[in-house]
Amino acid sequence: MGAEATLESMGITVPSVVPPLAAYIPAVRAGNLVYTAGQLPARDGEMIAVGKLGGSVTEEEGYECARQCALNALAAIRAEIGSLDNITRVVKAVVFVSSTPDFTGQPKIANGASEFLGEVFGDLGRHARSAVGVSVLPLDVPVEVELIVEVAD
């Protein structure tokens, strides 16, 4: 089953591309790779959480934010390539986690994106990853995700 059918079977609709907040585009194709801009946890036009992990945002909320960011990244990729079924491999995910200085669970939060990509793409969704703790993200969101995927010619 392809990624599009898998998402449908999961009851997930790929949203419209979240409009850029500044002077950039949501995704760029270079050869067989598509790079996304950092995607925020927007759902239905609103951020699903604000604040920091280790502060006002729970690990469960952070995990869900990472999952939503990954879905938003897939929306940007789909707009660039036409169908998620054209993805031949998820290459890398970079997950930024806005957190307090004593919070060290960034990898658990990043799993929200990684596990979601595994659900959608199976073995093709296995990827390299960075989970980076940062002091603040745009609009005070707790998570931001970038993806790099390989696509068919």
N, C-alpha and C. Protein backbone atom coordinates (compact mmCIF):
# COMPACT_ATOMS: atom_id res chain seq x y z
N MET A 1 0.86 -1.18 0.00
CA MET A 1 0.00 0.00 0.00
C MET A 1 0.90 1.24 0.00
N GLY A 2 0.57 2.22 -0.82
CA GLY A 2 1.33 3.46 -0.89
C GLY A 2 1.03 4.38 0.28
N ALA A 3 1.82 5.43 0.38
CA ALA A 3 1.67 6.38 1.48
C ALA A 3 0.30 7.05 1.48
N GLU A 4 -0.20 7.40 0.31
CA GLU A 4 -1.51 8.06 0.23
C GLU A 4 -2.62 7.15 0.78
N ALA A 5 -2.61 5.88 0.37
CA ALA A 5 -3.62 4.93 0.85
C ALA A 5 -3.43 4.64 2.33
N THR A 6 -2.19 4.58 2.78
CA THR A 6 -1.92 4.34 4.19
C THR A 6 -2.49 5.46 5.05
N LEU A 7 -2.23 6.69 4.66
CA LEU A 7 -2.79 7.82 5.40
C LEU A 7 -4.31 7.77 5.42
N GLU A 8 -4.90 7.45 4.29
CA GLU A 8 -6.36 7.35 4.23
C GLU A 8 -6.87 6.26 5.17
N SER A 9 -6.18 5.11 5.20
CA SER A 9 -6.60 4.02 6.09
C SER A 9 -6.42 4.40 7.56
N MET A 10 -5.50 5.32 7.84
CA MET A 10 -5.30 5.81 9.20
C MET A 10 -6.31 6.90 9.57
N GLY A 11 -7.12 7.30 8.60
CA GLY A 11 -8.08 8.37 8.84
C GLY A 11 -7.45 9.75 8.88
N ILE A 12 -6.30 9.88 8.24
CA ILE A 12 -5.57 11.15 8.26
C ILE A 12 -5.67 11.81 6.89
N THR A 13 -6.08 13.06 6.89
CA THR A 13 -6.13 13.86 5.68
C THR A 13 -4.91 14.77 5.68
N VAL A 14 -4.19 14.77 4.56
CA VAL A 14 -3.05 15.67 4.44
C VAL A 14 -3.59 17.10 4.33
N PRO A 15 -3.14 17.98 5.22
CA PRO A 15 -3.68 19.34 5.21
C PRO A 15 -3.12 20.17 4.06
N SER A 16 -3.69 21.34 3.88
CA SER A 16 -3.10 22.31 2.96
C SER A 16 -1.75 22.73 3.51
N VAL A 17 -0.89 23.20 2.63
CA VAL A 17 0.42 23.67 3.05
C VAL A 17 0.25 24.88 3.95
N VAL A 18 0.96 24.86 5.08
CA VAL A 18 0.93 26.01 5.98
C VAL A 18 1.68 27.15 5.32
N PRO A 19 1.06 28.32 5.19
CA PRO A 19 1.73 29.44 4.53
C PRO A 19 3.01 29.84 5.28
N PRO A 20 4.06 30.21 4.55
CA PRO A 20 5.31 30.63 5.19
C PRO A 20 5.10 31.86 6.08
N LEU A 21 5.89 31.91 7.16
CA LEU A 21 5.83 33.04 8.08
C LEU A 21 6.77 34.17 7.66
N ALA A 22 7.68 33.88 6.72
CA ALA A 22 8.69 34.87 6.34
C ALA A 22 9.09 34.63 4.88
N ALA A 23 10.29 35.02 4.52
CA ALA A 23 10.76 34.96 3.13
C ALA A 23 11.41 33.62 2.82
N TYR A 24 10.60 32.60 2.64
CA TYR A 24 11.07 31.26 2.26
C TYR A 24 9.92 30.51 1.61
N ILE A 25 10.21 29.35 1.04
CA ILE A 25 9.16 28.51 0.48
C ILE A 25 9.11 27.21 1.28
N PRO A 26 7.96 26.55 1.33
CA PRO A 26 7.80 25.38 2.18
C PRO A 26 8.65 24.16 1.81
N ALA A 27 8.94 23.98 0.53
CA ALA A 27 9.75 22.83 0.10
C ALA A 27 10.48 23.17 -1.19
N VAL A 28 11.67 22.58 -1.34
CA VAL A 28 12.48 22.78 -2.54
C VAL A 28 12.97 21.42 -3.00
N ARG A 29 12.84 21.19 -4.30
CA ARG A 29 13.37 19.96 -4.88
C ARG A 29 14.72 20.26 -5.52
N ALA A 30 15.70 19.40 -5.23
CA ALA A 30 17.02 19.48 -5.84
C ALA A 30 17.36 18.08 -6.32
N GLY A 31 17.23 17.85 -7.63
CA GLY A 31 17.44 16.50 -8.15
C GLY A 31 16.38 15.55 -7.61
N ASN A 32 16.81 14.47 -6.98
CA ASN A 32 15.87 13.49 -6.42
C ASN A 32 15.61 13.70 -4.94
N LEU A 33 16.03 14.84 -4.40
CA LEU A 33 15.79 15.13 -3.00
C LEU A 33 14.85 16.31 -2.86
N VAL A 34 13.98 16.22 -1.85
CA VAL A 34 13.12 17.35 -1.50
C VAL A 34 13.42 17.70 -0.05
N TYR A 35 13.70 18.99 0.16
CA TYR A 35 14.01 19.53 1.48
C TYR A 35 12.82 20.40 1.91
N THR A 36 12.36 20.21 3.13
CA THR A 36 11.31 21.10 3.61
C THR A 36 11.90 22.18 4.49
N ALA A 37 11.21 23.29 4.52
CA ALA A 37 11.49 24.31 5.53
C ALA A 37 11.01 23.74 6.86
N GLY A 38 11.41 24.35 7.94
CA GLY A 38 10.92 23.91 9.24
C GLY A 38 9.41 24.06 9.31
N GLN A 39 8.75 23.00 9.73
CA GLN A 39 7.29 23.00 9.82
C GLN A 39 6.87 23.04 11.29
N LEU A 40 5.90 23.88 11.58
CA LEU A 40 5.41 24.08 12.94
C LEU A 40 4.16 23.22 13.18
N PRO A 41 3.76 23.07 14.43
CA PRO A 41 2.62 22.21 14.76
C PRO A 41 1.27 22.90 14.57
N ALA A 42 1.01 23.38 13.36
CA ALA A 42 -0.26 24.03 13.06
C ALA A 42 -1.28 22.98 12.65
N ARG A 43 -2.48 23.15 13.15
CA ARG A 43 -3.61 22.30 12.76
C ARG A 43 -4.83 23.19 12.67
N ASP A 44 -5.50 23.14 11.53
CA ASP A 44 -6.70 23.95 11.32
C ASP A 44 -6.44 25.44 11.59
N GLY A 45 -5.26 25.91 11.17
CA GLY A 45 -4.95 27.32 11.27
C GLY A 45 -4.45 27.80 12.62
N GLU A 46 -4.29 26.89 13.58
CA GLU A 46 -3.81 27.29 14.91
C GLU A 46 -2.71 26.36 15.37
N MET A 47 -1.81 26.87 16.18
CA MET A 47 -0.77 26.04 16.78
C MET A 47 -1.42 25.16 17.84
N ILE A 48 -1.09 23.88 17.84
CA ILE A 48 -1.76 22.97 18.79
C ILE A 48 -1.17 23.08 20.19
N ALA A 49 -0.01 23.72 20.32
CA ALA A 49 0.57 23.98 21.64
C ALA A 49 1.57 25.12 21.51
N VAL A 50 1.80 25.81 22.61
CA VAL A 50 2.87 26.80 22.71
C VAL A 50 3.54 26.60 24.06
N GLY A 51 4.79 27.04 24.13
CA GLY A 51 5.54 26.89 25.38
C GLY A 51 6.71 25.95 25.21
N LYS A 52 7.27 25.51 26.33
CA LYS A 52 8.48 24.70 26.32
C LYS A 52 8.25 23.34 26.96
N LEU A 53 8.97 22.36 26.44
CA LEU A 53 9.03 21.06 27.11
C LEU A 53 9.83 21.24 28.39
N GLY A 54 9.39 20.60 29.45
CA GLY A 54 10.01 20.81 30.75
C GLY A 54 9.39 22.00 31.47
N GLY A 55 8.49 22.68 30.77
CA GLY A 55 7.75 23.82 31.33
C GLY A 55 6.27 23.53 31.22
N SER A 56 5.57 24.35 30.44
CA SER A 56 4.11 24.23 30.34
C SER A 56 3.64 23.14 29.38
N VAL A 57 4.54 22.58 28.57
CA VAL A 57 4.15 21.58 27.57
C VAL A 57 4.56 20.19 28.06
N THR A 58 3.62 19.27 28.07
CA THR A 58 3.90 17.89 28.51
C THR A 58 4.60 17.11 27.40
N GLU A 59 5.22 16.01 27.77
CA GLU A 59 5.86 15.16 26.77
C GLU A 59 4.84 14.62 25.77
N GLU A 60 3.65 14.31 26.22
CA GLU A 60 2.60 13.83 25.32
C GLU A 60 2.22 14.90 24.30
N GLU A 61 2.11 16.13 24.76
CA GLU A 61 1.80 17.24 23.85
C GLU A 61 2.95 17.47 22.87
N GLY A 62 4.17 17.39 23.36
CA GLY A 62 5.33 17.56 22.48
C GLY A 62 5.40 16.49 21.42
N TYR A 63 5.12 15.25 21.81
CA TYR A 63 5.10 14.12 20.87
C TYR A 63 4.05 14.37 19.78
N GLU A 64 2.86 14.81 20.18
CA GLU A 64 1.79 15.10 19.22
C GLU A 64 2.18 16.27 18.31
N CYS A 65 2.86 17.25 18.86
CA CYS A 65 3.34 18.37 18.04
C CYS A 65 4.31 17.88 16.98
N ALA A 66 5.24 17.00 17.36
CA ALA A 66 6.21 16.48 16.40
C ALA A 66 5.50 15.71 15.30
N ARG A 67 4.50 14.95 15.66
CA ARG A 67 3.70 14.20 14.68
C ARG A 67 3.02 15.15 13.71
N GLN A 68 2.41 16.22 14.24
CA GLN A 68 1.72 17.20 13.38
C GLN A 68 2.71 17.92 12.49
N CYS A 69 3.87 18.26 13.01
CA CYS A 69 4.90 18.91 12.20
C CYS A 69 5.30 18.02 11.03
N ALA A 70 5.46 16.72 11.29
CA ALA A 70 5.83 15.78 10.22
C ALA A 70 4.72 15.72 9.17
N LEU A 71 3.47 15.71 9.60
CA LEU A 71 2.35 15.70 8.65
C LEU A 71 2.37 16.99 7.82
N ASN A 72 2.65 18.11 8.45
CA ASN A 72 2.72 19.38 7.71
C ASN A 72 3.89 19.37 6.73
N ALA A 73 4.99 18.72 7.10
CA ALA A 73 6.11 18.59 6.17
C ALA A 73 5.70 17.74 4.97
N LEU A 74 4.94 16.68 5.22
CA LEU A 74 4.45 15.85 4.09
C LEU A 74 3.54 16.66 3.18
N ALA A 75 2.75 17.57 3.76
CA ALA A 75 1.90 18.44 2.93
C ALA A 75 2.75 19.31 2.01
N ALA A 76 3.84 19.85 2.54
CA ALA A 76 4.74 20.69 1.73
C ALA A 76 5.39 19.86 0.62
N ILE A 77 5.79 18.63 0.96
CA ILE A 77 6.40 17.75 -0.04
C ILE A 77 5.38 17.38 -1.11
N ARG A 78 4.19 17.04 -0.71
CA ARG A 78 3.14 16.66 -1.67
C ARG A 78 2.86 17.80 -2.64
N ALA A 79 2.84 19.03 -2.13
CA ALA A 79 2.60 20.18 -3.01
C ALA A 79 3.72 20.33 -4.04
N GLU A 80 4.91 19.89 -3.69
CA GLU A 80 6.06 20.00 -4.59
C GLU A 80 6.10 18.87 -5.61
N ILE A 81 5.68 17.64 -5.22
CA ILE A 81 5.86 16.47 -6.10
C ILE A 81 4.57 15.84 -6.57
N GLY A 82 3.43 16.29 -6.10
CA GLY A 82 2.15 15.79 -6.59
C GLY A 82 1.53 14.67 -5.79
N SER A 83 2.30 13.69 -5.35
CA SER A 83 1.78 12.56 -4.59
C SER A 83 2.85 12.04 -3.64
N LEU A 84 2.44 11.71 -2.45
CA LEU A 84 3.38 11.13 -1.49
C LEU A 84 3.83 9.74 -1.91
N ASP A 85 3.12 9.14 -2.84
CA ASP A 85 3.53 7.83 -3.37
C ASP A 85 4.82 7.94 -4.19
N ASN A 86 5.22 9.15 -4.55
CA ASN A 86 6.48 9.36 -5.28
C ASN A 86 7.70 9.39 -4.37
N ILE A 87 7.48 9.33 -3.06
CA ILE A 87 8.61 9.28 -2.12
C ILE A 87 9.17 7.87 -2.11
N THR A 88 10.47 7.76 -2.36
CA THR A 88 11.13 6.45 -2.36
C THR A 88 11.88 6.19 -1.06
N ARG A 89 12.10 7.23 -0.26
CA ARG A 89 12.82 7.05 1.00
C ARG A 89 12.75 8.33 1.81
N VAL A 90 12.48 8.22 3.10
CA VAL A 90 12.68 9.34 4.00
C VAL A 90 14.14 9.28 4.40
N VAL A 91 14.89 10.33 4.10
CA VAL A 91 16.33 10.33 4.30
C VAL A 91 16.70 10.84 5.70
N LYS A 92 16.15 12.00 6.09
CA LYS A 92 16.53 12.59 7.36
C LYS A 92 15.42 13.44 7.92
N ALA A 93 15.31 13.43 9.24
CA ALA A 93 14.43 14.34 9.97
C ALA A 93 15.29 15.13 10.95
N VAL A 94 15.04 16.42 11.02
CA VAL A 94 15.66 17.27 12.03
C VAL A 94 14.51 17.81 12.88
N VAL A 95 14.58 17.53 14.18
CA VAL A 95 13.51 17.92 15.09
C VAL A 95 14.09 18.87 16.14
N PHE A 96 13.56 20.08 16.15
CA PHE A 96 13.96 21.09 17.13
C PHE A 96 12.92 21.09 18.24
N VAL A 97 13.40 21.02 19.47
CA VAL A 97 12.51 20.96 20.64
C VAL A 97 12.82 22.14 21.55
N SER A 98 11.88 23.05 21.68
CA SER A 98 12.04 24.18 22.59
C SER A 98 11.84 23.65 24.01
N SER A 99 12.88 23.79 24.83
CA SER A 99 12.82 23.14 26.13
C SER A 99 13.58 23.95 27.18
N THR A 100 13.24 23.67 28.43
CA THR A 100 13.95 24.28 29.54
C THR A 100 15.35 23.68 29.61
N PRO A 101 16.29 24.37 30.26
CA PRO A 101 17.66 23.86 30.31
C PRO A 101 17.82 22.47 30.93
N ASP A 102 16.92 22.08 31.82
CA ASP A 102 17.04 20.78 32.48
C ASP A 102 16.29 19.66 31.77
N PHE A 103 15.58 19.96 30.68
CA PHE A 103 14.85 18.93 29.95
C PHE A 103 15.79 18.21 29.00
N THR A 104 15.83 16.89 29.09
CA THR A 104 16.74 16.10 28.25
C THR A 104 16.01 15.03 27.44
N GLY A 105 14.71 15.15 27.32
CA GLY A 105 13.92 14.14 26.61
C GLY A 105 13.65 14.46 25.15
N GLN A 106 14.52 15.26 24.51
CA GLN A 106 14.30 15.63 23.11
C GLN A 106 14.10 14.40 22.21
N PRO A 107 14.88 13.32 22.38
CA PRO A 107 14.67 12.15 21.51
C PRO A 107 13.26 11.55 21.63
N LYS A 108 12.69 11.55 22.83
CA LYS A 108 11.32 11.03 23.00
C LYS A 108 10.32 11.88 22.24
N ILE A 109 10.52 13.18 22.26
CA ILE A 109 9.62 14.09 21.54
C ILE A 109 9.78 13.86 20.04
N ALA A 110 11.03 13.77 19.58
CA ALA A 110 11.30 13.56 18.15
C ALA A 110 10.70 12.25 17.65
N ASN A 111 10.52 11.28 18.54
CA ASN A 111 9.88 10.03 18.14
C ASN A 111 8.48 10.24 17.59
N GLY A 112 7.84 11.33 17.98
CA GLY A 112 6.51 11.63 17.42
C GLY A 112 6.56 11.74 15.91
N ALA A 113 7.59 12.39 15.40
CA ALA A 113 7.76 12.51 13.95
C ALA A 113 8.27 11.20 13.36
N SER A 114 9.27 10.61 13.98
CA SER A 114 9.90 9.40 13.43
C SER A 114 8.93 8.22 13.38
N GLU A 115 8.20 8.01 14.46
CA GLU A 115 7.25 6.89 14.47
C GLU A 115 6.11 7.10 13.49
N PHE A 116 5.67 8.35 13.34
CA PHE A 116 4.64 8.66 12.35
C PHE A 116 5.13 8.33 10.94
N LEU A 117 6.35 8.73 10.61
CA LEU A 117 6.90 8.44 9.28
C LEU A 117 7.03 6.94 9.07
N GLY A 118 7.37 6.21 10.11
CA GLY A 118 7.42 4.75 10.02
C GLY A 118 6.05 4.15 9.76
N GLU A 119 5.02 4.69 10.41
CA GLU A 119 3.65 4.21 10.18
C GLU A 119 3.23 4.43 8.74
N VAL A 120 3.58 5.57 8.19
CA VAL A 120 3.15 5.94 6.84
C VAL A 120 3.94 5.22 5.76
N PHE A 121 5.26 5.11 5.94
CA PHE A 121 6.13 4.61 4.87
C PHE A 121 6.75 3.25 5.15
N GLY A 122 6.51 2.66 6.30
CA GLY A 122 7.13 1.38 6.62
C GLY A 122 8.64 1.52 6.64
N ASP A 123 9.35 0.53 6.10
CA ASP A 123 10.81 0.57 6.09
C ASP A 123 11.36 1.76 5.32
N LEU A 124 10.63 2.27 4.34
CA LEU A 124 11.09 3.44 3.60
C LEU A 124 11.07 4.70 4.46
N GLY A 125 10.39 4.63 5.59
CA GLY A 125 10.32 5.76 6.51
C GLY A 125 11.43 5.79 7.54
N ARG A 126 12.26 4.73 7.58
CA ARG A 126 13.40 4.72 8.51
C ARG A 126 14.42 5.75 8.03
N HIS A 127 14.91 6.58 8.93
CA HIS A 127 15.71 7.71 8.52
C HIS A 127 16.76 8.06 9.56
N ALA A 128 17.74 8.83 9.12
CA ALA A 128 18.67 9.47 10.04
C ALA A 128 17.93 10.62 10.71
N ARG A 129 18.39 11.01 11.92
CA ARG A 129 17.65 12.05 12.63
C ARG A 129 18.54 12.81 13.58
N SER A 130 18.22 14.07 13.77
CA SER A 130 18.78 14.89 14.83
C SER A 130 17.63 15.38 15.68
N ALA A 131 17.81 15.33 17.00
CA ALA A 131 16.83 15.88 17.95
C ALA A 131 17.57 16.94 18.76
N VAL A 132 17.23 18.20 18.54
CA VAL A 132 18.02 19.31 19.06
C VAL A 132 17.19 20.14 20.03
N GLY A 133 17.71 20.34 21.23
CA GLY A 133 17.06 21.22 22.18
C GLY A 133 17.45 22.66 21.91
N VAL A 134 16.46 23.54 21.88
CA VAL A 134 16.70 24.97 21.63
C VAL A 134 15.95 25.79 22.67
N SER A 135 16.35 27.04 22.81
CA SER A 135 15.74 27.89 23.84
C SER A 135 14.38 28.44 23.43
N VAL A 136 14.17 28.66 22.13
CA VAL A 136 12.88 29.21 21.68
C VAL A 136 12.73 28.91 20.19
N LEU A 137 11.49 28.76 19.76
CA LEU A 137 11.15 28.55 18.35
C LEU A 137 10.13 29.61 17.93
N PRO A 138 9.94 29.80 16.62
CA PRO A 138 8.98 30.81 16.15
C PRO A 138 7.59 30.63 16.78
N LEU A 139 6.97 31.73 17.10
CA LEU A 139 5.62 31.78 17.68
C LEU A 139 5.52 31.03 19.00
N ASP A 140 6.66 30.76 19.64
CA ASP A 140 6.74 30.06 20.93
C ASP A 140 6.22 28.63 20.86
N VAL A 141 6.30 28.01 19.66
CA VAL A 141 5.88 26.62 19.56
C VAL A 141 6.93 25.72 20.21
N PRO A 142 6.53 24.52 20.64
CA PRO A 142 7.48 23.64 21.30
C PRO A 142 8.31 22.77 20.36
N VAL A 143 7.86 22.60 19.12
CA VAL A 143 8.53 21.67 18.20
C VAL A 143 8.50 22.24 16.78
N GLU A 144 9.58 21.99 16.05
CA GLU A 144 9.67 22.31 14.63
C GLU A 144 10.39 21.14 13.95
N VAL A 145 9.91 20.74 12.77
CA VAL A 145 10.47 19.58 12.07
C VAL A 145 10.81 19.94 10.63
N GLU A 146 12.00 19.50 10.20
CA GLU A 146 12.42 19.56 8.80
C GLU A 146 12.58 18.13 8.30
N LEU A 147 12.24 17.89 7.04
CA LEU A 147 12.44 16.58 6.43
C LEU A 147 13.25 16.70 5.15
N ILE A 148 14.00 15.65 4.86
CA ILE A 148 14.63 15.46 3.56
C ILE A 148 14.15 14.10 3.07
N VAL A 149 13.57 14.08 1.88
CA VAL A 149 13.11 12.81 1.30
C VAL A 149 13.70 12.64 -0.10
N GLU A 150 13.82 11.38 -0.49
CA GLU A 150 14.21 11.04 -1.86
C GLU A 150 12.95 10.73 -2.62
N VAL A 151 12.88 11.19 -3.87
CA VAL A 151 11.70 10.98 -4.69
C VAL A 151 12.07 10.32 -6.01
N ALA A 152 11.08 9.68 -6.62
CA ALA A 152 11.28 9.05 -7.93
C ALA A 152 11.50 10.13 -8.98
N ASP A 153 12.18 9.75 -10.06
CA ASP A 153 12.42 10.70 -11.17
C ASP A 153 11.13 11.19 -11.77
